């Protein structure tokens, strides 16, 4: 949309639509959509979280949590997204233990 913001005679401002455009000004595809953070990230309020917490308590690694989320939801998380989710769950104050490479 192309708009003009003129100042009126009484000193107020208004918006005048000059041209309406009904298409995207960027490329749109399923591949691009899969990279949007909203489709990749799992909220800490998600029904998946209890399963993720169980895996964390069971000392499972990031790859196992990644597989669990991919198999049980439409979220297309990256490994970085999984690590960020684990960090958010740890910060939430719950007593969760997560395996490190040296803890086994």
PDB file of N, CA and C in Angstrom:
ATOM      1  N   UNK A   1       0.851  -1.161   0.000  1.00  0.00           N
ATOM      2  CA  UNK A   1       0.000   0.000   0.000  1.00  0.00           C
ATOM      3  C   UNK A   1       0.900   1.228   0.000  1.00  0.00           C
ATOM      4  N   UNK A   2       0.523   2.150  -0.796  1.00  0.00           N
ATOM      5  CA  UNK A   2       1.207   3.437  -0.838  1.00  0.00           C
ATOM      6  C   UNK A   2       0.268   4.452  -0.210  1.00  0.00           C
ATOM      7  N   UNK A   3       0.758   5.157   0.801  1.00  0.00           N
ATOM      8  CA  UNK A   3      -0.088   6.119   1.506  1.00  0.00           C
ATOM      9  C   UNK A   3       0.620   7.467   1.591  1.00  0.00           C
ATOM     10  N   UNK A   4      -0.179   8.469   1.725  1.00  0.00           N
ATOM     11  CA  UNK A   4       0.304   9.834   1.876  1.00  0.00           C
ATOM     12  C   UNK A   4      -0.232  10.340   3.212  1.00  0.00           C
ATOM     13  N   UNK A   5       0.603  11.036   3.971  1.00  0.00           N
ATOM     14  CA  UNK A   5       0.194  11.547   5.280  1.00  0.00           C
ATOM     15  C   UNK A   5       0.180  13.075   5.211  1.00  0.00           C
ATOM     16  N   UNK A   6      -0.953  13.638   4.796  1.00  0.00           N
ATOM     17  CA  UNK A   6      -1.030  15.105   4.679  1.00  0.00           C
ATOM     18  C   UNK A   6      -1.431  15.765   5.997  1.00  0.00           C
ATOM     19  N   UNK A   7      -1.008  16.988   6.139  1.00  0.00           N
ATOM     20  CA  UNK A   7      -1.430  17.789   7.292  1.00  0.00           C
ATOM     21  C   UNK A   7      -2.642  18.600   6.854  1.00  0.00           C
ATOM     22  N   UNK A   8      -3.698  18.500   7.655  1.00  0.00           N
ATOM     23  CA  UNK A   8      -4.945  19.193   7.310  1.00  0.00           C
ATOM     24  C   UNK A   8      -4.872  20.668   7.712  1.00  0.00           C
ATOM     25  N   UNK A   9      -5.838  21.443   7.238  1.00  0.00           N
ATOM     26  CA  UNK A   9      -5.878  22.883   7.527  1.00  0.00           C
ATOM     27  C   UNK A   9      -6.000  23.176   9.020  1.00  0.00           C
ATOM     28  N   UNK A  10      -6.648  22.264   9.772  1.00  0.00           N
ATOM     29  CA  UNK A  10      -6.822  22.493  11.210  1.00  0.00           C
ATOM     30  C   UNK A  10      -5.595  22.058  12.025  1.00  0.00           C
ATOM     31  N   UNK A  11      -4.534  21.614  11.351  1.00  0.00           N
ATOM     32  CA  UNK A  11      -3.309  21.218  12.042  1.00  0.00           C
ATOM     33  C   UNK A  11      -3.212  19.737  12.350  1.00  0.00           C
ATOM     34  N   UNK A  12      -4.296  18.989  12.158  1.00  0.00           N
ATOM     35  CA  UNK A  12      -4.252  17.548  12.416  1.00  0.00           C
ATOM     36  C   UNK A  12      -3.676  16.824  11.194  1.00  0.00           C
ATOM     37  N   UNK A  13      -3.343  15.582  11.404  1.00  0.00           N
ATOM     38  CA  UNK A  13      -2.764  14.770  10.337  1.00  0.00           C
ATOM     39  C   UNK A  13      -3.770  13.727   9.888  1.00  0.00           C
ATOM     40  N   UNK A  14      -3.692  13.322   8.658  1.00  0.00           N
ATOM     41  CA  UNK A  14      -4.571  12.284   8.123  1.00  0.00           C
ATOM     42  C   UNK A  14      -3.781  11.336   7.240  1.00  0.00           C
ATOM     43  N   UNK A  15      -4.395  10.239   6.897  1.00  0.00           N
ATOM     44  CA  UNK A  15      -3.766   9.262   6.009  1.00  0.00           C
ATOM     45  C   UNK A  15      -4.632   9.121   4.770  1.00  0.00           C
ATOM     46  N   UNK A  16      -4.008   9.243   3.629  1.00  0.00           N
ATOM     47  CA  UNK A  16      -4.714   9.076   2.361  1.00  0.00           C
ATOM     48  C   UNK A  16      -4.066   7.916   1.608  1.00  0.00           C
ATOM     49  N   UNK A  17      -4.842   6.874   1.338  1.00  0.00           N
ATOM     50  CA  UNK A  17      -4.332   5.724   0.594  1.00  0.00           C
ATOM     51  C   UNK A  17      -4.264   6.103  -0.876  1.00  0.00           C
ATOM     52  N   UNK A  18      -3.082   5.974  -1.444  1.00  0.00           N
ATOM     53  CA  UNK A  18      -2.871   6.328  -2.846  1.00  0.00           C
ATOM     54  C   UNK A  18      -2.990   5.107  -3.755  1.00  0.00           C
ATOM     55  N   UNK A  19      -2.488   3.962  -3.280  1.00  0.00           N
ATOM     56  CA  UNK A  19      -2.520   2.769  -4.107  1.00  0.00           C
ATOM     57  C   UNK A  19      -2.502   1.544  -3.197  1.00  0.00           C
ATOM     58  N   UNK A  20      -3.365   0.586  -3.484  1.00  0.00           N
ATOM     59  CA  UNK A  20      -3.402  -0.657  -2.725  1.00  0.00           C
ATOM     60  C   UNK A  20      -2.682  -1.736  -3.517  1.00  0.00           C
ATOM     61  N   UNK A  21      -1.876  -2.523  -2.836  1.00  0.00           N
ATOM     62  CA  UNK A  21      -1.132  -3.604  -3.476  1.00  0.00           C
ATOM     63  C   UNK A  21      -1.469  -4.888  -2.730  1.00  0.00           C
ATOM     64  N   UNK A  22      -1.934  -5.882  -3.463  1.00  0.00           N
ATOM     65  CA  UNK A  22      -2.361  -7.127  -2.835  1.00  0.00           C
ATOM     66  C   UNK A  22      -1.431  -8.291  -3.171  1.00  0.00           C
ATOM     67  N   UNK A  23      -0.161  -8.072  -3.055  1.00  0.00           N
ATOM     68  CA  UNK A  23       0.802  -9.158  -3.230  1.00  0.00           C
ATOM     69  C   UNK A  23       1.991  -8.904  -2.302  1.00  0.00           C
ATOM     70  N   UNK A  24       2.778  -9.945  -2.081  1.00  0.00           N
ATOM     71  CA  UNK A  24       3.941  -9.829  -1.202  1.00  0.00           C
ATOM     72  C   UNK A  24       5.064  -9.087  -1.916  1.00  0.00           C
ATOM     73  N   UNK A  25       5.815  -8.337  -1.156  1.00  0.00           N
ATOM     74  CA  UNK A  25       6.970  -7.646  -1.724  1.00  0.00           C
ATOM     75  C   UNK A  25       8.251  -8.454  -1.501  1.00  0.00           C
ATOM     76  N   UNK A  26       8.066  -9.749  -1.217  1.00  0.00           N
ATOM     77  CA  UNK A  26       9.184 -10.666  -1.022  1.00  0.00           C
ATOM     78  C   UNK A  26       8.746 -12.055  -1.467  1.00  0.00           C
ATOM     79  N   UNK A  27       9.714 -12.932  -1.642  1.00  0.00           N
ATOM     80  CA  UNK A  27       9.410 -14.292  -2.072  1.00  0.00           C
ATOM     81  C   UNK A  27       8.711 -15.054  -0.946  1.00  0.00           C
ATOM     82  N   UNK A  28       7.702 -15.858  -1.297  1.00  0.00           N
ATOM     83  CA  UNK A  28       6.974 -16.668  -0.330  1.00  0.00           C
ATOM     84  C   UNK A  28       6.996 -18.110  -0.824  1.00  0.00           C
ATOM     85  N   UNK A  29       7.401 -19.024   0.060  1.00  0.00           N
ATOM     86  CA  UNK A  29       7.429 -20.437  -0.306  1.00  0.00           C
ATOM     87  C   UNK A  29       7.376 -21.276   0.961  1.00  0.00           C
ATOM     88  N   UNK A  30       7.028 -22.560   0.845  1.00  0.00           N
ATOM     89  CA  UNK A  30       7.027 -23.435   2.025  1.00  0.00           C
ATOM     90  C   UNK A  30       8.410 -23.520   2.680  1.00  0.00           C
ATOM     91  N   UNK A  31       9.466 -23.475   1.886  1.00  0.00           N
ATOM     92  CA  UNK A  31      10.817 -23.559   2.441  1.00  0.00           C
ATOM     93  C   UNK A  31      11.131 -22.338   3.311  1.00  0.00           C
ATOM     94  N   UNK A  32      10.732 -21.173   2.841  1.00  0.00           N
ATOM     95  CA  UNK A  32      10.957 -19.956   3.625  1.00  0.00           C
ATOM     96  C   UNK A  32      10.111 -19.989   4.890  1.00  0.00           C
ATOM     97  N   UNK A  33       8.866 -20.435   4.776  1.00  0.00           N
ATOM     98  CA  UNK A  33       7.973 -20.508   5.933  1.00  0.00           C
ATOM     99  C   UNK A  33       8.559 -21.402   7.024  1.00  0.00           C
ATOM    100  N   UNK A  34       9.190 -22.507   6.644  1.00  0.00           N
ATOM    101  CA  UNK A  34       9.763 -23.433   7.621  1.00  0.00           C
ATOM    102  C   UNK A  34      10.873 -22.793   8.447  1.00  0.00           C
ATOM    103  N   UNK A  35      11.427 -21.693   7.985  1.00  0.00           N
ATOM    104  CA  UNK A  35      12.493 -21.021   8.719  1.00  0.00           C
ATOM    105  C   UNK A  35      11.986 -19.904   9.631  1.00  0.00           C
ATOM    106  N   UNK A  36      10.699 -19.614   9.596  1.00  0.00           N
ATOM    107  CA  UNK A  36      10.152 -18.586  10.478  1.00  0.00           C
ATOM    108  C   UNK A  36      10.274 -19.049  11.930  1.00  0.00           C
ATOM    109  N   UNK A  37      10.709 -18.178  12.841  1.00  0.00           N
ATOM    110  CA  UNK A  37      10.856 -18.577  14.240  1.00  0.00           C
ATOM    111  C   UNK A  37       9.572 -19.117  14.866  1.00  0.00           C
ATOM    112  N   UNK A  38       8.431 -18.592  14.478  1.00  0.00           N
ATOM    113  CA  UNK A  38       7.170 -19.045  15.068  1.00  0.00           C
ATOM    114  C   UNK A  38       6.851 -20.496  14.790  1.00  0.00           C
ATOM    115  N   UNK A  39       7.254 -21.012  13.658  1.00  0.00           N
ATOM    116  CA  UNK A  39       7.000 -22.411  13.328  1.00  0.00           C
ATOM    117  C   UNK A  39       8.102 -23.302  13.900  1.00  0.00           C
ATOM    118  N   UNK A  40       9.268 -22.726  14.163  1.00  0.00           N
ATOM    119  CA  UNK A  40      10.387 -23.518  14.666  1.00  0.00           C
ATOM    120  C   UNK A  40      10.376 -23.660  16.179  1.00  0.00           C
ATOM    121  N   UNK A  41       9.936 -22.653  16.891  1.00  0.00           N
ATOM    122  CA  UNK A  41      10.113 -22.638  18.335  1.00  0.00           C
ATOM    123  C   UNK A  41       8.941 -23.264  19.077  1.00  0.00           C
ATOM    124  N   UNK A  42       9.264 -23.905  20.185  1.00  0.00           N
ATOM    125  CA  UNK A  42       8.268 -24.506  21.061  1.00  0.00           C
ATOM    126  C   UNK A  42       8.152 -23.626  22.299  1.00  0.00           C
ATOM    127  N   UNK A  43       6.941 -23.230  22.616  1.00  0.00           N
ATOM    128  CA  UNK A  43       6.694 -22.414  23.805  1.00  0.00           C
ATOM    129  C   UNK A  43       6.901 -23.257  25.057  1.00  0.00           C
ATOM    130  N   UNK A  44       7.269 -22.610  26.154  1.00  0.00           N
ATOM    131  CA  UNK A  44       7.396 -23.342  27.417  1.00  0.00           C
ATOM    132  C   UNK A  44       6.028 -23.772  27.938  1.00  0.00           C
ATOM    133  N   UNK A  45       4.948 -23.306  27.306  1.00  0.00           N
ATOM    134  CA  UNK A  45       3.587 -23.710  27.669  1.00  0.00           C
ATOM    135  C   UNK A  45       3.068 -24.825  26.762  1.00  0.00           C
ATOM    136  N   UNK A  46       3.876 -25.296  25.838  1.00  0.00           N
ATOM    137  CA  UNK A  46       3.465 -26.305  24.863  1.00  0.00           C
ATOM    138  C   UNK A  46       3.201 -27.654  25.530  1.00  0.00           C
ATOM    139  N   UNK A  47       2.266 -28.443  24.986  1.00  0.00           N
ATOM    140  CA  UNK A  47       2.036 -29.799  25.501  1.00  0.00           C
ATOM    141  C   UNK A  47       3.253 -30.712  25.312  1.00  0.00           C
ATOM    142  N   UNK A  48       4.219 -30.311  24.517  1.00  0.00           N
ATOM    143  CA  UNK A  48       5.440 -31.102  24.323  1.00  0.00           C
ATOM    144  C   UNK A  48       6.395 -30.998  25.506  1.00  0.00           C
ATOM    145  N   UNK A  49       6.278 -29.944  26.283  1.00  0.00           N
ATOM    146  CA  UNK A  49       7.256 -29.659  27.332  1.00  0.00           C
ATOM    147  C   UNK A  49       7.370 -30.774  28.369  1.00  0.00           C
ATOM    148  N   UNK A  50       6.281 -31.382  28.851  1.00  0.00           N
ATOM    149  CA  UNK A  50       6.469 -32.473  29.816  1.00  0.00           C
ATOM    150  C   UNK A  50       7.335 -33.610  29.267  1.00  0.00           C
ATOM    151  N   UNK A  51       7.177 -33.937  27.998  1.00  0.00           N
ATOM    152  CA  UNK A  51       8.016 -34.971  27.393  1.00  0.00           C
ATOM    153  C   UNK A  51       9.466 -34.543  27.298  1.00  0.00           C
ATOM    154  N   UNK A  52       9.685 -33.275  26.957  1.00  0.00           N
ATOM    155  CA  UNK A  52      11.047 -32.746  26.884  1.00  0.00           C
ATOM    156  C   UNK A  52      11.677 -32.764  28.275  1.00  0.00           C
ATOM    157  N   UNK A  53      10.913 -32.354  29.285  1.00  0.00           N
ATOM    158  CA  UNK A  53      11.434 -32.364  30.657  1.00  0.00           C
ATOM    159  C   UNK A  53      11.782 -33.780  31.096  1.00  0.00           C
ATOM    160  N   UNK A  54      10.961 -34.740  30.719  1.00  0.00           N
ATOM    161  CA  UNK A  54      11.237 -36.138  31.062  1.00  0.00           C
ATOM    162  C   UNK A  54      12.536 -36.604  30.407  1.00  0.00           C
ATOM    163  N   UNK A  55      12.729 -36.245  29.155  1.00  0.00           N
ATOM    164  CA  UNK A  55      13.978 -36.598  28.473  1.00  0.00           C
ATOM    165  C   UNK A  55      15.176 -35.928  29.140  1.00  0.00           C
ATOM    166  N   UNK A  56      15.001 -34.676  29.561  1.00  0.00           N
ATOM    167  CA  UNK A  56      16.090 -33.979  30.242  1.00  0.00           C
ATOM    168  C   UNK A  56      16.419 -34.659  31.566  1.00  0.00           C
ATOM    169  N   UNK A  57      15.392 -35.042  32.313  1.00  0.00           N
ATOM    170  CA  UNK A  57      15.619 -35.718  33.589  1.00  0.00           C
ATOM    171  C   UNK A  57      16.252 -37.085  33.383  1.00  0.00           C
ATOM    172  N   UNK A  58      15.973 -37.705  32.243  1.00  0.00           N
ATOM    173  CA  UNK A  58      16.558 -39.004  31.920  1.00  0.00           C
ATOM    174  C   UNK A  58      17.950 -38.890  31.330  1.00  0.00           C
ATOM    175  N   UNK A  59      18.525 -37.699  31.387  1.00  0.00           N
ATOM    176  CA  UNK A  59      19.883 -37.455  30.912  1.00  0.00           C
ATOM    177  C   UNK A  59      20.042 -37.694  29.410  1.00  0.00           C
ATOM    178  N   UNK A  60      18.955 -37.520  28.653  1.00  0.00           N
ATOM    179  CA  UNK A  60      19.036 -37.670  27.198  1.00  0.00           C
ATOM    180  C   UNK A  60      19.692 -36.433  26.599  1.00  0.00           C
ATOM    181  N   UNK A  61      20.323 -36.603  25.485  1.00  0.00           N
ATOM    182  CA  UNK A  61      21.029 -35.507  24.832  1.00  0.00           C
ATOM    183  C   UNK A  61      20.120 -34.664  23.956  1.00  0.00           C
ATOM    184  N   UNK A  62      20.697 -33.620  23.415  1.00  0.00           N
ATOM    185  CA  UNK A  62      19.970 -32.690  22.560  1.00  0.00           C
ATOM    186  C   UNK A  62      19.379 -33.389  21.341  1.00  0.00           C
ATOM    187  N   UNK A  63      20.113 -34.344  20.767  1.00  0.00           N
ATOM    188  CA  UNK A  63      19.635 -35.049  19.573  1.00  0.00           C
ATOM    189  C   UNK A  63      18.359 -35.832  19.866  1.00  0.00           C
ATOM    190  N   UNK A  64      18.262 -36.443  21.033  1.00  0.00           N
ATOM    191  CA  UNK A  64      17.055 -37.192  21.402  1.00  0.00           C
ATOM    192  C   UNK A  64      15.861 -36.262  21.570  1.00  0.00           C
ATOM    193  N   UNK A  65      16.088 -35.116  22.180  1.00  0.00           N
ATOM    194  CA  UNK A  65      15.017 -34.136  22.361  1.00  0.00           C
ATOM    195  C   UNK A  65      14.582 -33.593  21.001  1.00  0.00           C
ATOM    196  N   UNK A  66      15.540 -33.348  20.127  1.00  0.00           N
ATOM    197  CA  UNK A  66      15.260 -32.886  18.764  1.00  0.00           C
ATOM    198  C   UNK A  66      14.371 -33.900  18.044  1.00  0.00           C
ATOM    199  N   UNK A  67      14.726 -35.175  18.096  1.00  0.00           N
ATOM    200  CA  UNK A  67      13.927 -36.223  17.446  1.00  0.00           C
ATOM    201  C   UNK A  67      12.525 -36.298  18.036  1.00  0.00           C
ATOM    202  N   UNK A  68      12.417 -36.208  19.368  1.00  0.00           N
ATOM    203  CA  UNK A  68      11.117 -36.264  20.036  1.00  0.00           C
ATOM    204  C   UNK A  68      10.201 -35.151  19.524  1.00  0.00           C
ATOM    205  N   UNK A  69      10.719 -33.946  19.447  1.00  0.00           N
ATOM    206  CA  UNK A  69       9.910 -32.808  18.995  1.00  0.00           C
ATOM    207  C   UNK A  69       9.520 -32.977  17.535  1.00  0.00           C
ATOM    208  N   UNK A  70      10.449 -33.400  16.694  1.00  0.00           N
ATOM    209  CA  UNK A  70      10.155 -33.577  15.265  1.00  0.00           C
ATOM    210  C   UNK A  70       9.121 -34.673  15.036  1.00  0.00           C
ATOM    211  N   UNK A  71       9.158 -35.737  15.843  1.00  0.00           N
ATOM    212  CA  UNK A  71       8.224 -36.851  15.672  1.00  0.00           C
ATOM    213  C   UNK A  71       6.843 -36.560  16.241  1.00  0.00           C
ATOM    214  N   UNK A  72       6.749 -35.639  17.196  1.00  0.00           N
ATOM    215  CA  UNK A  72       5.487 -35.418  17.898  1.00  0.00           C
ATOM    216  C   UNK A  72       4.841 -34.061  17.644  1.00  0.00           C
ATOM    217  N   UNK A  73       5.352 -33.312  16.680  1.00  0.00           N
ATOM    218  CA  UNK A  73       4.753 -32.007  16.396  1.00  0.00           C
ATOM    219  C   UNK A  73       5.089 -31.575  14.978  1.00  0.00           C
ATOM    220  N   UNK A  74       4.502 -30.452  14.592  1.00  0.00           N
ATOM    221  CA  UNK A  74       4.794 -29.855  13.293  1.00  0.00           C
ATOM    222  C   UNK A  74       5.924 -28.837  13.378  1.00  0.00           C
ATOM    223  N   UNK A  75       6.481 -28.636  14.568  1.00  0.00           N
ATOM    224  CA  UNK A  75       7.584 -27.688  14.731  1.00  0.00           C
ATOM    225  C   UNK A  75       8.805 -28.215  13.994  1.00  0.00           C
ATOM    226  N   UNK A  76       9.471 -27.355  13.273  1.00  0.00           N
ATOM    227  CA  UNK A  76      10.670 -27.726  12.525  1.00  0.00           C
ATOM    228  C   UNK A  76      11.869 -27.025  13.141  1.00  0.00           C
ATOM    229  N   UNK A  77      12.184 -27.450  14.354  1.00  0.00           N
ATOM    230  CA  UNK A  77      13.255 -26.825  15.113  1.00  0.00           C
ATOM    231  C   UNK A  77      14.623 -27.189  14.556  1.00  0.00           C
ATOM    232  N   UNK A  78      15.551 -26.283  14.773  1.00  0.00           N
ATOM    233  CA  UNK A  78      16.953 -26.577  14.508  1.00  0.00           C
ATOM    234  C   UNK A  78      17.569 -27.029  15.832  1.00  0.00           C
ATOM    235  N   UNK A  79      18.768 -27.555  15.778  1.00  0.00           N
ATOM    236  CA  UNK A  79      19.437 -27.965  17.017  1.00  0.00           C
ATOM    237  C   UNK A  79      19.667 -26.749  17.919  1.00  0.00           C
ATOM    238  N   UNK A  80      19.935 -25.603  17.331  1.00  0.00           N
ATOM    239  CA  UNK A  80      20.091 -24.382  18.126  1.00  0.00           C
ATOM    240  C   UNK A  80      18.790 -24.041  18.839  1.00  0.00           C
ATOM    241  N   UNK A  81      17.651 -24.213  18.159  1.00  0.00           N
ATOM    242  CA  UNK A  81      16.351 -23.967  18.793  1.00  0.00           C
ATOM    243  C   UNK A  81      16.153 -24.905  19.977  1.00  0.00           C
ATOM    244  N   UNK A  82      16.576 -26.166  19.837  1.00  0.00           N
ATOM    245  CA  UNK A  82      16.439 -27.143  20.926  1.00  0.00           C
ATOM    246  C   UNK A  82      17.302 -26.717  22.106  1.00  0.00           C
ATOM    247  N   UNK A  83      18.538 -26.319  21.840  1.00  0.00           N
ATOM    248  CA  UNK A  83      19.409 -25.863  22.932  1.00  0.00           C
ATOM    249  C   UNK A  83      18.817 -24.631  23.624  1.00  0.00           C
ATOM    250  N   UNK A  84      18.228 -23.725  22.844  1.00  0.00           N
ATOM    251  CA  UNK A  84      17.590 -22.544  23.436  1.00  0.00           C
ATOM    252  C   UNK A  84      16.388 -22.932  24.287  1.00  0.00           C
ATOM    253  N   UNK A  85      15.594 -23.909  23.839  1.00  0.00           N
ATOM    254  CA  UNK A  85      14.459 -24.390  24.625  1.00  0.00           C
ATOM    255  C   UNK A  85      14.942 -24.987  25.941  1.00  0.00           C
ATOM    256  N   UNK A  86      15.993 -25.786  25.883  1.00  0.00           N
ATOM    257  CA  UNK A  86      16.553 -26.387  27.096  1.00  0.00           C
ATOM    258  C   UNK A  86      16.999 -25.288  28.058  1.00  0.00           C
ATOM    259  N   UNK A  87      17.635 -24.265  27.535  1.00  0.00           N
ATOM    260  CA  UNK A  87      18.054 -23.142  28.377  1.00  0.00           C
ATOM    261  C   UNK A  87      16.877 -22.427  29.010  1.00  0.00           C
ATOM    262  N   UNK A  88      15.808 -22.215  28.230  1.00  0.00           N
ATOM    263  CA  UNK A  88      14.611 -21.557  28.785  1.00  0.00           C
ATOM    264  C   UNK A  88      13.979 -22.415  29.876  1.00  0.00           C
ATOM    265  N   UNK A  89      13.943 -23.729  29.670  1.00  0.00           N
ATOM    266  CA  UNK A  89      13.354 -24.606  30.684  1.00  0.00           C
ATOM    267  C   UNK A  89      14.202 -24.612  31.949  1.00  0.00           C
ATOM    268  N   UNK A  90      15.516 -24.583  31.788  1.00  0.00           N
ATOM    269  CA  UNK A  90      16.390 -24.521  32.966  1.00  0.00           C
ATOM    270  C   UNK A  90      16.168 -23.224  33.739  1.00  0.00           C
ATOM    271  N   UNK A  91      16.056 -22.114  33.005  1.00  0.00           N
ATOM    272  CA  UNK A  91      15.862 -20.809  33.646  1.00  0.00           C
ATOM    273  C   UNK A  91      14.504 -20.687  34.315  1.00  0.00           C
ATOM    274  N   UNK A  92      13.551 -21.523  33.908  1.00  0.00           N
ATOM    275  CA  UNK A  92      12.204 -21.410  34.467  1.00  0.00           C
ATOM    276  C   UNK A  92      12.159 -21.805  35.934  1.00  0.00           C
ATOM    277  N   UNK A  93      13.281 -22.295  36.467  1.00  0.00           N
ATOM    278  CA  UNK A  93      13.347 -22.596  37.886  1.00  0.00           C
ATOM    279  C   UNK A  93      13.040 -24.027  38.249  1.00  0.00           C
ATOM    280  N   UNK A  94      12.773 -24.862  37.270  1.00  0.00           N
ATOM    281  CA  UNK A  94      12.487 -26.260  37.571  1.00  0.00           C
ATOM    282  C   UNK A  94      13.791 -26.993  37.834  1.00  0.00           C
ATOM    283  N   UNK A  95      13.726 -28.025  38.657  1.00  0.00           N
ATOM    284  CA  UNK A  95      14.905 -28.805  39.006  1.00  0.00           C
ATOM    285  C   UNK A  95      15.124 -29.876  37.942  1.00  0.00           C
ATOM    286  N   UNK A  96      15.706 -29.475  36.826  1.00  0.00           N
ATOM    287  CA  UNK A  96      15.968 -30.396  35.726  1.00  0.00           C
ATOM    288  C   UNK A  96      17.470 -30.554  35.570  1.00  0.00           C
ATOM    289  N   UNK A  97      17.882 -31.755  35.326  1.00  0.00           N
ATOM    290  CA  UNK A  97      19.297 -32.027  35.108  1.00  0.00           C
ATOM    291  C   UNK A  97      19.474 -32.430  33.660  1.00  0.00           C
ATOM    292  N   UNK A  98      20.517 -31.950  33.060  1.00  0.00           N
ATOM    293  CA  UNK A  98      20.761 -32.240  31.653  1.00  0.00           C
ATOM    294  C   UNK A  98      22.175 -32.767  31.512  1.00  0.00           C
ATOM    295  N   UNK A  99      22.317 -33.820  30.741  1.00  0.00           N
ATOM    296  CA  UNK A  99      23.615 -34.456  30.565  1.00  0.00           C
ATOM    297  C   UNK A  99      24.586 -33.533  29.837  1.00  0.00           C
ATOM    298  N   UNK A 100      25.805 -33.525  30.308  1.00  0.00           N
ATOM    299  CA  UNK A 100      26.885 -32.852  29.600  1.00  0.00           C
ATOM    300  C   UNK A 100      27.785 -33.944  29.044  1.00  0.00           C
ATOM    301  N   UNK A 101      28.674 -33.629  28.135  1.00  0.00           N
ATOM    302  CA  UNK A 101      29.528 -34.675  27.577  1.00  0.00           C
ATOM    303  C   UNK A 101      30.349 -35.408  28.633  1.00  0.00           C
ATOM    304  N   UNK A 102      30.597 -34.790  29.790  1.00  0.00           N
ATOM    305  CA  UNK A 102      31.442 -35.397  30.808  1.00  0.00           C
ATOM    306  C   UNK A 102      30.660 -36.019  31.958  1.00  0.00           C
ATOM    307  N   UNK A 103      29.318 -35.989  31.900  1.00  0.00           N
ATOM    308  CA  UNK A 103      28.525 -36.459  33.040  1.00  0.00           C
ATOM    309  C   UNK A 103      28.167 -37.931  32.962  1.00  0.00           C
ATOM    310  N   UNK A 104      28.471 -38.603  31.887  1.00  0.00           N
ATOM    311  CA  UNK A 104      28.106 -40.022  31.771  1.00  0.00           C
ATOM    312  C   UNK A 104      29.227 -40.925  32.152  1.00  0.00           C
TER     313      UNK A 104
END
